[in-house]
C-alpha atoms as a PDB file:
ATOM      1  CA  MET A   1      85.004  72.382  34.861  1.00  0.00           C
ATOM      2  CA  GLU A   2      81.929  70.688  36.193  1.00  0.00           C
ATOM      3  CA  LEU A   3      81.668  67.116  37.462  1.00  0.00           C
ATOM      4  CA  LYS A   4      78.312  65.436  37.985  1.00  0.00           C
ATOM      5  CA  LEU A   5      77.638  63.072  40.894  1.00  0.00           C
ATOM      6  CA  ARG A   6      75.764  59.863  40.159  1.00  0.00           C
ATOM      7  CA  LYS A   7      74.360  57.225  42.477  1.00  0.00           C
ATOM      8  CA  VAL A   8      76.278  53.929  42.368  1.00  0.00           C
ATOM      9  CA  GLY A   9      74.811  51.461  44.857  1.00  0.00           C
ATOM     10  CA  ASN A  10      74.732  53.242  48.227  1.00  0.00           C
ATOM     11  CA  SER A  11      77.483  55.676  47.217  1.00  0.00           C
ATOM     12  CA  LEU A  12      77.946  58.644  44.912  1.00  0.00           C
ATOM     13  CA  ALA A  13      80.500  58.599  42.114  1.00  0.00           C
ATOM     14  CA  THR A  14      81.739  60.880  39.376  1.00  0.00           C
ATOM     15  CA  THR A  15      83.684  60.482  36.169  1.00  0.00           C
ATOM     16  CA  TRP A  16      86.750  62.583  35.462  1.00  0.00           C
ATOM     17  CA  PRO A  17      87.846  63.806  32.034  1.00  0.00           C
ATOM     18  CA  LYS A  18      90.815  61.910  30.621  1.00  0.00           C
ATOM     19  CA  GLU A  19      92.812  65.152  30.307  1.00  0.00           C
ATOM     20  CA  VAL A  20      92.504  65.807  34.051  1.00  0.00           C
ATOM     21  CA  LEU A  21      93.522  62.257  34.939  1.00  0.00           C
ATOM     22  CA  ASN A  22      96.543  62.588  32.647  1.00  0.00           C
ATOM     23  CA  ARG A  23      97.563  65.853  34.337  1.00  0.00           C
ATOM     24  CA  LEU A  24      97.265  64.178  37.747  1.00  0.00           C
ATOM     25  CA  ASN A  25      99.243  61.223  36.378  1.00  0.00           C
ATOM     26  CA  VAL A  26      96.712  58.736  37.786  1.00  0.00           C
ATOM     27  CA  SER A  27      94.885  55.736  36.418  1.00  0.00           C
ATOM     28  CA  GLU A  28      92.362  53.133  37.539  1.00  0.00           C
ATOM     29  CA  GLY A  29      93.109  51.818  41.018  1.00  0.00           C
ATOM     30  CA  ASP A  30      95.215  54.802  42.110  1.00  0.00           C
ATOM     31  CA  LYS A  31      94.237  56.710  45.246  1.00  0.00           C
ATOM     32  CA  LEU A  32      93.383  60.400  45.379  1.00  0.00           C
ATOM     33  CA  HIS A  33      93.622  62.395  48.592  1.00  0.00           C
ATOM     34  CA  VAL A  34      91.189  65.162  49.504  1.00  0.00           C
ATOM     35  CA  VAL A  35      92.707  67.971  51.558  1.00  0.00           C
ATOM     36  CA  GLU A  36      90.718  70.850  52.995  1.00  0.00           C
ATOM     37  CA  THR A  37      92.399  74.223  52.506  1.00  0.00           C
ATOM     38  CA  GLN A  38      91.400  77.763  53.370  1.00  0.00           C
ATOM     39  CA  HIS A  39      90.306  78.180  49.737  1.00  0.00           C
ATOM     40  CA  GLY A  40      88.250  75.001  49.468  1.00  0.00           C
ATOM     41  CA  VAL A  41      89.112  71.399  48.732  1.00  0.00           C
ATOM     42  CA  LEU A  42      92.264  70.123  47.015  1.00  0.00           C
ATOM     43  CA  VAL A  43      92.275  66.753  45.237  1.00  0.00           C
ATOM     44  CA  THR A  44      95.756  65.308  44.789  1.00  0.00           C
ATOM     45  CA  PRO A  45      97.436  61.959  44.184  1.00  0.00           C
ATOM     46  CA  TYR A  46     100.093  62.877  46.768  1.00  0.00           C
ATOM     47  CA  ASP A  47      99.567  61.798  50.377  1.00  0.00           C
ATOM     48  CA  PRO A  48     100.135  64.865  52.593  1.00  0.00           C
ATOM     49  CA  LYS A  49     100.791  62.625  55.626  1.00  0.00           C
ATOM     50  CA  PHE A  50     103.608  60.884  53.742  1.00  0.00           C
ATOM     51  CA  LYS A  51     105.204  64.221  52.868  1.00  0.00           C
ATOM     52  CA  LYS A  52     105.065  65.303  56.509  1.00  0.00           C
ATOM     53  CA  THR A  53     106.647  62.003  57.584  1.00  0.00           C
ATOM     54  CA  MET A  54     109.433  62.382  55.009  1.00  0.00           C
ATOM     55  CA  ASP A  55     110.133  65.959  56.118  1.00  0.00           C
ATOM     56  CA  ILE A  56     110.569  64.729  59.696  1.00  0.00           C
ATOM     57  CA  ALA A  57     112.794  61.852  58.523  1.00  0.00           C
ATOM     58  CA  LYS A  58     115.031  64.272  56.594  1.00  0.00           C
ATOM     59  CA  ARG A  59     115.485  66.452  59.676  1.00  0.00           C
ATOM     60  CA  VAL A  60     116.368  63.426  61.833  1.00  0.00           C
ATOM     61  CA  MET A  61     118.833  62.109  59.222  1.00  0.00           C
ATOM     62  CA  ALA A  62     120.532  65.500  58.981  1.00  0.00           C
ATOM     63  CA  ARG A  63     120.722  65.873  62.759  1.00  0.00           C
ATOM     64  CA  ASP A  64     121.969  62.334  63.445  1.00  0.00           C
ATOM     65  CA  ARG A  65     124.123  61.871  60.342  1.00  0.00           C
ATOM     66  CA  GLU A  66     127.193  60.556  62.201  1.00  0.00           C
ATOM     67  CA  ALA A  67     125.234  58.087  64.318  1.00  0.00           C
ATOM     68  CA  LEU A  68     123.466  56.747  61.212  1.00  0.00           C
ATOM     69  CA  LYS A  69     126.825  56.300  59.462  1.00  0.00           C
ATOM     70  CA  GLU A  70     128.060  54.222  62.397  1.00  0.00           C
ATOM     71  CA  LEU A  71     124.907  52.135  62.463  1.00  0.00           C
ATOM     72  CA  ALA A  72     125.257  51.451  58.734  1.00  0.00           C
ATOM     73  CA  LYS A  73     128.688  49.797  59.245  1.00  0.00           C
END
């Protein structure tokens, strides 16, 4: 697949095929995140920082389960 960059004001923009947007489950106004990998660049609607934060939260909740139960009372 090839995407062409076009000048829009002082920026560059591109259009994405509808099929790709459907596969990403995104629409106008949604954010895409660009992540550099060892194989190139990954474009995703999922925020990698949010995933990392949630992974940490899950570990804390598992470790401190009893204290969180008491706090919830």
